[in-house]
C-alpha cells in the first residue's frame, strides 16, 4: 500500500484546507511532540494516533508515540475509572487512587524531557502531569470519553491532575467541565478515508471477507461493530434484533474485539456469547483477522447498522459506517447524537423498541436507506476526516503558547 500524503486528501477536503494546514504547521516547524496513551492496538485512540502521527511528521513536526506500562490490576482499575467517568455507578476506592499514582511514578521516565508538547490521551497516563517540568514545555490532555456525568469522587481525584496541563481537548461541548482552570477546546475526532477500515473495496474483496465468515455479498444482515463493553449495549442490540426477527428472516452479525488495556472485555464477551447462542441467526465474530478489512467489508454490505450504545465518547464506528453511506441507528448519547442528525442522516434511539422500529423501516424502504446514507456520507466528508482534525490540533498547539481561559470551539 502506497504511503498517503496530505495532498492525497485534496479531492475530498479541498485544496484550501490543505494549504491552511501547511501554513499553520509552518508556525510550529521543528517542534518535538510526544503523544502518550495506554495501548498500541485496540480502540479508537490507537487508531487515531496510527493515522495522525505520519501526517504530523510530514508537515514538519517531530512526532512520536509512547505507550505507558501497567499491570492487569492497573488496567482493571482504569477500566473502572472509564465506567465511572461515563456516569455509571462503580466502586472506586482510595486503594485504587494509590495504585494509579504508583503506576504513574513507574512510568515517569517515559516522559520526553526534550518535547515541546506532550499530549496525554484519556485517564490512563493523566497522572504523569504531576512530573512535568513547569515552564519548559506545553502539556495537553485529550479526553476521548463522555465525562459530562462523571463520578464526583473520581473527578475530584482527576481534575487537579487536569489542571496541571495547559489545555484540555473534548469531542463535543457537552463533555467540557466548568470547574477546570485551564483552556478547553472542543473538536471532534476523525476517520481516515484511506485506512484499511475505510478505503474503497472492490466487490471481489468484499465477497472474500464475507465468505470467510459464511456470508455472501448479496445477503442482507443487521450489523453492530463494537468492543465487548457493556456501555455499547450488545445485549440491547441482540434484543432489538429478536424483535426485528419476528418480521424479517434476516441474520444479525456482531463484530467485536478486546483491547489490551480492557481486561473486562473478555467477561462481557462470554456473557454475550451465552445469550447470543440462544438466538438463531446470530453470528458473533471476535477479533477478526484482518480486523480492519473484515469490518470494512461487513459495514459496506450491511442492510442495517446499529450502534446501540448506552454511553459513548464520540463513536467513530458510527462515523465509519456513515462514510460507507449507511443510515446508522444509534443510541441517543454522547458523540453519536452529535454525528447523527435524527431522521436526516440516521436515527437516534433511546430504547430497544426504537432500534427495532427503525431497523424495520430501513429494511422495508431501501430508497429511504439510500437517501439517508448519502446524507450521512456528506456529513462525514465535510466534518470528520483526518485533515479536519489535523487543522484543529495545530490550532490548539499554537494557542497553548498564548495563555487564555474558557472553551474554544474547533468543530467548524
Protein backbone atom coordinates (compact mmCIF):
# COMPACT_ATOMS: atom_id res chain seq x y z
CA UNK A 1 0.00 0.00 0.00
CA UNK A 2 1.43 3.37 -1.02
CA UNK A 3 2.22 5.97 1.60
CA UNK A 4 -0.60 8.52 1.87
CA UNK A 5 0.40 12.17 1.59
CA UNK A 6 -1.51 15.27 2.68
CA UNK A 7 -2.12 16.19 -0.97
CA UNK A 8 -4.00 12.92 -1.47
CA UNK A 9 -6.85 14.36 0.60
CA UNK A 10 -7.41 17.37 -1.68
CA UNK A 11 -10.19 15.70 -3.76
CA UNK A 12 -12.10 15.06 -0.52
CA UNK A 13 -11.50 18.19 1.60
CA UNK A 14 -10.37 20.80 -0.93
CA UNK A 15 -7.06 22.49 -1.64
CA UNK A 16 -7.72 25.46 0.67
CA UNK A 17 -7.86 23.25 3.80
CA UNK A 18 -4.59 21.55 2.88
CA UNK A 19 -2.93 24.93 2.32
CA UNK A 20 -4.23 26.14 5.68
CA UNK A 21 -2.71 23.10 7.41
CA UNK A 22 0.67 23.79 5.82
CA UNK A 23 0.58 27.45 6.87
CA UNK A 24 -0.30 26.53 10.46
CA UNK A 25 2.42 23.88 10.55
CA UNK A 26 4.98 26.43 9.38
CA UNK A 27 4.44 28.29 12.65
CA UNK A 28 5.40 25.10 14.55
CA UNK A 29 8.04 23.72 12.19
CA UNK A 30 10.61 21.59 14.00
CA UNK A 31 8.56 21.28 17.19
CA UNK A 32 9.02 17.99 19.07
CA UNK A 33 5.71 16.40 20.06
CA UNK A 34 5.10 13.34 22.25
CA UNK A 35 1.76 11.50 22.33
CA UNK A 36 1.24 9.23 25.35
CA UNK A 37 -1.54 6.65 25.75
CA UNK A 38 -2.02 3.14 27.15
CA UNK A 39 -2.08 0.80 24.14
CA UNK A 40 -0.74 0.50 20.57
CA UNK A 41 -3.70 -1.61 19.41
CA UNK A 42 -7.43 -1.80 20.02
CA UNK A 43 -9.81 1.12 20.49
CA UNK A 44 -10.28 4.49 18.83
CA UNK A 45 -7.28 6.29 20.37
CA UNK A 46 -4.75 3.81 18.96
CA UNK A 47 -6.41 4.08 15.53
CA UNK A 48 -6.37 7.87 15.74
CA UNK A 49 -2.66 8.00 16.56
CA UNK A 50 -1.70 5.45 13.91
CA UNK A 51 -3.25 7.67 11.27
CA UNK A 52 -2.46 11.12 12.68
CA UNK A 53 1.24 10.83 13.52
CA UNK A 54 2.54 10.18 9.96
CA UNK A 55 0.85 13.37 8.71
CA UNK A 56 2.17 15.39 11.67
CA UNK A 57 5.67 14.28 10.74
CA UNK A 58 5.03 15.05 7.08
CA UNK A 59 4.18 18.70 7.82
CA UNK A 60 7.42 19.19 9.75
CA UNK A 61 6.59 18.24 13.34
CA UNK A 62 8.90 15.73 15.03
CA UNK A 63 6.17 13.50 16.45
CA UNK A 64 6.49 10.26 18.41
CA UNK A 65 4.19 7.93 20.33
CA UNK A 66 4.83 6.45 23.78
CA UNK A 67 2.76 3.74 25.50
CA UNK A 68 2.73 3.53 29.30
CA UNK A 69 3.17 0.17 31.03
CA UNK A 70 0.91 -1.28 33.69
CA UNK A 71 -0.22 -4.49 35.32
CA UNK A 72 -3.60 -6.11 34.76
CA UNK A 73 -4.64 -4.60 38.10
CA UNK A 74 -3.86 -1.12 36.76
CA UNK A 75 -5.89 -1.64 33.59
CA UNK A 76 -8.75 -3.13 35.61
CA UNK A 77 -8.89 -0.02 37.79
CA UNK A 78 -8.61 2.37 34.82
CA UNK A 79 -11.48 0.45 33.22
CA UNK A 80 -13.44 1.15 36.42
CA UNK A 81 -12.41 4.79 36.06
CA UNK A 82 -13.67 4.72 32.47
CA UNK A 83 -17.07 3.38 33.52
CA UNK A 84 -17.34 5.82 36.45
CA UNK A 85 -16.41 8.77 34.24
CA UNK A 86 -19.27 7.77 31.96
CA UNK A 87 -21.60 8.18 34.94
CA UNK A 88 -22.22 4.50 35.70
CA UNK A 89 -22.18 3.64 39.40
CA UNK A 90 -18.93 1.80 40.11
CA UNK A 91 -16.93 1.12 43.26
CA UNK A 92 -13.93 3.47 43.39
CA UNK A 93 -11.63 3.13 46.41
CA UNK A 94 -8.73 5.03 47.93
CA UNK A 95 -6.55 1.99 47.24
CA UNK A 96 -7.29 2.43 43.52
CA UNK A 97 -6.11 6.04 43.68
CA UNK A 98 -2.91 4.96 45.41
CA UNK A 99 -2.21 2.21 42.86
CA UNK A 100 -2.94 4.60 39.99
CA UNK A 101 -0.35 7.07 41.32
CA UNK A 102 2.15 4.27 41.89
CA UNK A 103 1.86 3.28 38.21
CA UNK A 104 2.36 6.89 37.12
CA UNK A 105 5.57 7.05 39.15
CA UNK A 106 6.76 3.85 37.45
CA UNK A 107 6.19 5.48 34.04
CA UNK A 108 7.62 8.92 34.73
CA UNK A 109 10.85 8.13 32.87
CA UNK A 110 8.84 7.69 29.67
CA UNK A 111 8.25 11.45 29.51
CA UNK A 112 10.31 13.03 26.75
CA UNK A 113 12.03 15.89 28.56
CA UNK A 114 13.03 17.45 25.24
CA UNK A 115 9.48 17.56 23.86
CA UNK A 116 7.96 20.95 23.11
CA UNK A 117 4.47 19.47 23.51
CA UNK A 118 3.33 16.42 25.49
CA UNK A 119 -0.18 15.17 24.65
CA UNK A 120 -1.81 12.76 27.11
CA UNK A 121 -4.73 10.64 25.91
CA UNK A 122 -7.54 9.68 28.30
CA UNK A 123 -7.20 9.00 32.07
CA UNK A 124 -4.60 6.21 31.96
CA UNK A 125 -1.49 8.47 31.59
CA UNK A 126 -3.04 11.64 33.03
CA UNK A 127 -1.16 11.31 36.33
CA UNK A 128 2.12 11.92 34.51
CA UNK A 129 1.17 15.60 34.58
CA UNK A 130 2.50 15.72 38.15
CA UNK A 131 6.01 15.13 36.83
CA UNK A 132 6.12 17.82 34.15
CA UNK A 133 8.85 20.42 34.22
CA UNK A 134 6.79 23.56 34.61
CA UNK A 135 7.55 26.23 32.05
CA UNK A 136 9.79 24.01 29.90
CA UNK A 137 7.11 22.74 27.53
CA UNK A 138 3.35 22.63 26.95
CA UNK A 139 1.08 19.77 28.01
CA UNK A 140 -2.39 18.92 26.65
CA UNK A 141 -4.91 16.35 27.82
CA UNK A 142 -7.13 14.75 25.15
CA UNK A 143 -10.28 13.28 26.69
CA UNK A 144 -11.90 10.82 24.29
CA UNK A 145 -14.80 9.83 26.58
CA UNK A 146 -18.03 11.38 27.83
CA UNK A 147 -17.34 12.81 31.31
CA UNK A 148 -20.42 15.03 31.49
CA UNK A 149 -21.87 12.87 34.29
CA UNK A 150 -18.61 11.69 35.82
CA UNK A 151 -18.46 10.25 39.32
CA UNK A 152 -17.95 13.21 41.67
CA UNK A 153 -15.48 11.26 43.82
CA UNK A 154 -13.37 10.24 40.84
CA UNK A 155 -13.47 13.65 39.18
CA UNK A 156 -12.27 15.27 42.44
CA UNK A 157 -9.23 13.00 42.18
CA UNK A 158 -8.57 13.55 38.46
CA UNK A 159 -9.43 17.24 37.97
CA UNK A 160 -6.37 18.56 39.87
CA UNK A 161 -4.24 16.46 37.52
CA UNK A 162 -6.02 18.01 34.54
CA UNK A 163 -5.43 21.50 35.92
CA UNK A 164 -1.67 20.82 35.79
CA UNK A 165 -1.71 20.78 31.97
CA UNK A 166 -2.02 23.77 29.65
CA UNK A 167 -5.23 22.79 27.87
CA UNK A 168 -7.82 20.04 27.52
CA UNK A 169 -9.49 18.75 24.36
CA UNK A 170 -13.03 17.35 24.38
CA UNK A 171 -15.00 15.91 21.48
CA UNK A 172 -18.26 17.83 21.92
CA UNK A 173 -19.42 20.83 24.00
CA UNK A 174 -21.38 18.69 26.48
CA UNK A 175 -18.18 16.98 27.64
CA UNK A 176 -16.40 20.14 28.84
CA UNK A 177 -16.09 20.82 32.58
CA UNK A 178 -16.92 24.19 34.14
CA UNK A 179 -14.64 23.64 37.14
CA UNK A 180 -11.39 23.42 35.17
CA UNK A 181 -8.99 26.37 35.37
CA UNK A 182 -7.34 25.76 32.01
CA UNK A 183 -8.41 26.48 28.41
CA UNK A 184 -10.72 23.87 26.91
CA UNK A 185 -11.02 23.03 23.23
CA UNK A 186 -13.96 21.35 21.50
CA UNK A 187 -13.04 19.34 18.42
CA UNK A 188 -14.42 16.02 17.17
CA UNK A 189 -12.13 13.12 16.22
CA UNK A 190 -11.84 11.75 12.70
CA UNK A 191 -11.64 8.79 10.38
CA UNK A 192 -9.03 8.32 7.69
CA UNK A 193 -10.74 7.56 4.35
CA UNK A 194 -7.55 5.87 3.11
CA UNK A 195 -7.11 3.49 6.03
CA UNK A 196 -7.84 -0.20 5.56
CA UNK A 197 -11.01 0.17 7.60
CA UNK A 198 -12.41 2.95 5.39
CA UNK A 199 -10.86 2.70 1.92
CA UNK A 200 -12.95 1.64 -1.07
CA UNK A 201 -13.16 -2.12 -1.61
CA UNK A 202 -14.00 -3.97 -4.81
CA UNK A 203 -16.89 -6.42 -4.87
CA UNK A 204 -14.35 -9.23 -5.13
CA UNK A 205 -12.59 -8.03 -1.95
CA UNK A 206 -15.87 -7.61 -0.06
CA UNK A 207 -17.01 -11.05 -1.11
CA UNK A 208 -13.69 -12.56 0.05
CA UNK A 209 -14.04 -11.28 3.62
CA UNK A 210 -17.76 -12.04 3.88
CA UNK A 211 -17.26 -15.58 2.61
CA UNK A 212 -14.64 -16.19 5.31
CA UNK A 213 -17.46 -15.95 7.88
CA UNK A 214 -20.16 -17.69 5.87
CA UNK A 215 -21.86 -14.71 4.20
CA UNK A 216 -22.39 -13.75 0.56
CA UNK A 217 -22.23 -10.29 -0.97
CA UNK A 218 -25.95 -10.29 -1.85
CA UNK A 219 -27.11 -11.39 1.61
CA UNK A 220 -28.97 -8.96 3.86
CA UNK A 221 -27.96 -8.71 7.51
CA UNK A 222 -28.07 -6.39 10.52
CA UNK A 223 -24.68 -5.38 11.94
CA UNK A 224 -23.17 -3.92 15.08
CA UNK A 225 -19.41 -3.35 15.39
CA UNK A 226 -18.23 -2.57 18.93
CA UNK A 227 -15.79 -3.53 21.62
CA UNK A 228 -17.20 -6.08 24.03
CA UNK A 229 -18.24 -3.44 26.53
CA UNK A 230 -21.50 -3.15 28.48
CA UNK A 231 -21.68 0.54 27.59
CA UNK A 232 -22.00 -0.50 23.91
CA UNK A 233 -25.12 -2.45 24.97
CA UNK A 234 -24.54 -5.63 22.96
CA UNK A 235 -27.44 -7.32 24.76
CA UNK A 236 -29.71 -4.39 23.83
CA UNK A 237 -28.71 -4.79 20.17
CA UNK A 238 -29.49 -8.51 20.45
CA UNK A 239 -32.92 -7.77 21.94
CA UNK A 240 -33.68 -5.33 19.11
CA UNK A 241 -32.74 -8.00 16.58
CA UNK A 242 -35.08 -10.51 18.22
CA UNK A 243 -37.96 -8.08 17.67
CA UNK A 244 -36.98 -7.48 14.02
CA UNK A 245 -36.69 -11.23 13.53
CA UNK A 246 -40.43 -11.56 14.03
CA UNK A 247 -40.99 -9.61 10.79
CA UNK A 248 -37.86 -10.32 8.73
CA UNK A 249 -35.91 -13.51 8.18
CA UNK A 250 -32.51 -11.84 8.40
CA UNK A 251 -29.30 -12.63 10.31
CA UNK A 252 -27.54 -10.46 12.89
CA UNK A 253 -23.75 -10.04 12.95
CA UNK A 254 -21.86 -8.64 15.94
CA UNK A 255 -18.18 -7.91 15.36
CA UNK A 256 -16.15 -7.09 18.47
CA UNK A 257 -12.62 -7.11 19.81
CA UNK A 258 -10.63 -6.92 23.01
CA UNK A 259 -8.16 -4.13 23.69
CA UNK A 260 -5.03 -4.91 25.79
CA UNK A 261 -6.00 -2.18 28.28
CA UNK A 262 -9.56 -3.55 28.72
CA UNK A 263 -9.44 -6.82 30.73
CA UNK A 264 -13.22 -6.85 31.45
CA UNK A 265 -13.91 -7.13 27.71
CA UNK A 266 -13.46 -10.89 27.74
CA UNK A 267 -16.02 -11.25 30.53
CA UNK A 268 -18.55 -9.20 28.55
CA UNK A 269 -17.81 -11.35 25.51
CA UNK A 270 -18.56 -14.57 27.39
CA UNK A 271 -21.82 -13.18 28.76
CA UNK A 272 -22.87 -12.02 25.30
CA UNK A 273 -21.98 -15.33 23.64
CA UNK A 274 -24.07 -17.18 26.21
CA UNK A 275 -27.15 -15.12 25.26
CA UNK A 276 -26.40 -15.00 21.52
CA UNK A 277 -26.22 -18.79 21.33
CA UNK A 278 -29.88 -18.92 22.39
CA UNK A 279 -30.98 -16.89 19.35
CA UNK A 280 -30.99 -18.41 15.84
CA UNK A 281 -29.43 -16.34 13.09
CA UNK A 282 -26.77 -14.64 15.23
CA UNK A 283 -23.09 -14.64 14.25
CA UNK A 284 -20.52 -13.26 16.70
CA UNK A 285 -17.08 -12.50 15.27
CA UNK A 286 -14.42 -11.82 17.90
CA UNK A 287 -11.05 -10.31 16.96
CA UNK A 288 -11.46 -10.83 13.20
CA UNK A 289 -8.35 -11.23 11.08
CA UNK A 290 -7.53 -8.93 9.37
CA UNK A 291 -9.69 -6.78 11.65
CA UNK A 292 -9.93 -3.56 9.64
CA UNK A 293 -10.64 -5.14 6.27
CA UNK A 294 -13.25 -7.50 7.71
CA UNK A 295 -15.02 -4.60 9.45
CA UNK A 296 -14.84 -2.54 6.25
CA UNK A 297 -16.39 -5.31 4.16
CA UNK A 298 -19.21 -6.02 6.62
CA UNK A 299 -20.04 -2.32 7.08
CA UNK A 300 -20.27 -1.84 3.31
CA UNK A 301 -22.58 -4.84 2.91
CA UNK A 302 -24.88 -4.43 5.91
CA UNK A 303 -28.55 -3.65 5.30
CA UNK A 304 -28.85 -2.05 8.75
CA UNK A 305 -26.08 -0.78 11.03
CA UNK A 306 -26.77 -0.48 14.76
CA UNK A 307 -24.73 1.27 17.42
CA UNK A 308 -26.93 0.66 20.46
CA UNK A 309 -24.62 2.41 22.94
CA UNK A 310 -25.84 3.46 26.37
CA UNK A 311 -22.91 5.84 26.81
CA UNK A 312 -20.43 6.90 24.17
CA UNK A 313 -17.47 9.22 23.81
CA UNK A 314 -17.75 10.03 20.12
CA UNK A 315 -18.30 6.68 18.47
CA UNK A 316 -16.01 6.56 15.43
CA UNK A 317 -17.61 3.28 14.43
CA UNK A 318 -20.69 5.39 13.62
CA UNK A 319 -18.56 7.75 11.53
CA UNK A 320 -17.08 4.78 9.67
CA UNK A 321 -20.48 3.37 8.75
CA UNK A 322 -21.79 6.81 7.73
CA UNK A 323 -18.76 7.18 5.45
CA UNK A 324 -19.90 3.95 3.77
CA UNK A 325 -23.31 5.56 3.14
CA UNK A 326 -25.19 3.79 5.92
CA UNK A 327 -28.06 5.36 7.85
CA UNK A 328 -26.91 4.31 11.31
CA UNK A 329 -29.39 3.62 14.11
CA UNK A 330 -27.52 4.87 17.16
CA UNK A 331 -28.08 5.31 20.88
CA UNK A 332 -29.12 8.87 21.71
CA UNK A 333 -26.00 9.60 23.72
CA UNK A 334 -22.64 11.35 23.66
CA UNK A 335 -20.98 11.92 20.32
CA UNK A 336 -23.49 9.74 18.47
CA UNK A 337 -26.12 12.46 18.78
CA UNK A 338 -23.52 14.96 17.53
CA UNK A 339 -22.93 12.93 14.36
CA UNK A 340 -26.39 11.67 13.50
CA UNK A 341 -28.92 14.30 12.54
CA UNK A 342 -32.06 12.45 13.54
CA UNK A 343 -34.13 11.30 10.56
CA UNK A 344 -31.75 13.14 8.18
CA UNK A 345 -28.53 11.09 8.32
CA UNK A 346 -29.75 8.22 10.51
CA UNK A 347 -31.84 7.64 13.62
CA UNK A 348 -31.31 8.31 17.32
CA UNK A 349 -32.98 5.88 19.70
CA UNK A 350 -33.44 5.60 23.45
CA UNK A 351 -34.87 2.08 23.65
CA UNK A 352 -34.57 -1.42 22.26
CA UNK A 353 -38.02 -0.97 20.72
CA UNK A 354 -36.89 2.20 18.95
CA UNK A 355 -33.89 0.42 17.47
CA UNK A 356 -36.13 -2.39 16.25
CA UNK A 357 -38.71 0.03 14.79
CA UNK A 358 -36.20 1.96 12.66
CA UNK A 359 -34.47 -1.27 11.61
CA UNK A 360 -37.78 -2.46 10.21
CA UNK A 361 -38.33 0.88 8.47
CA UNK A 362 -34.97 0.74 6.70
CA UNK A 363 -35.46 -2.89 5.70
CA UNK A 364 -38.91 -2.05 4.32
CA UNK A 365 -37.81 1.08 2.47
CA UNK A 366 -34.44 0.70 0.67
CA UNK A 367 -34.89 4.12 -1.01
CA UNK A 368 -35.04 5.79 2.40
CA UNK A 369 -31.91 3.92 3.47
CA UNK A 370 -30.11 5.10 0.32
CA UNK A 371 -31.16 8.74 0.73
CA UNK A 372 -30.16 8.96 4.38
CA UNK A 373 -26.94 7.08 3.63
CA UNK A 374 -25.92 9.67 1.02
CA UNK A 375 -26.59 12.47 3.50
CA UNK A 376 -24.61 10.63 6.17
CA UNK A 377 -21.63 10.34 3.82
CA UNK A 378 -21.71 14.07 3.05
CA UNK A 379 -21.78 14.94 6.75
CA UNK A 380 -18.64 12.92 7.39
CA UNK A 381 -16.91 14.29 4.29
CA UNK A 382 -17.50 17.87 5.48
CA UNK A 383 -16.58 17.46 9.15
CA UNK A 384 -14.91 14.28 10.33
CA UNK A 385 -11.92 13.43 8.13
CA UNK A 386 -8.25 13.37 9.19
CA UNK A 387 -7.29 16.77 7.66
CA UNK A 388 -10.08 18.49 9.63
CA UNK A 389 -8.64 17.11 12.85
CA UNK A 390 -5.05 17.96 11.98
CA UNK A 391 -6.00 21.59 11.32
CA UNK A 392 -7.80 21.78 14.67
CA UNK A 393 -4.91 20.18 16.56
CA UNK A 394 -2.39 22.61 15.04
CA UNK A 395 -4.60 25.47 16.21
CA UNK A 396 -4.62 24.02 19.75
CA UNK A 397 -0.84 23.67 19.80
CA UNK A 398 -0.44 27.27 18.67
CA UNK A 399 -3.00 28.60 21.13
CA UNK A 400 -1.27 26.98 24.13
CA UNK A 401 1.56 29.44 23.56
CA UNK A 402 -0.87 32.23 24.42
CA UNK A 403 -2.47 31.84 27.88
CA UNK A 404 -6.24 32.03 27.89
CA UNK A 405 -9.27 30.63 29.60
CA UNK A 406 -12.64 29.26 28.54
CA UNK A 407 -13.87 26.92 25.84
CA UNK A 408 -12.75 27.20 22.22
CA UNK A 409 -14.88 25.53 19.54
CA UNK A 410 -12.88 23.97 16.73
CA UNK A 411 -15.58 21.83 15.16
CA UNK A 412 -16.03 24.04 12.11
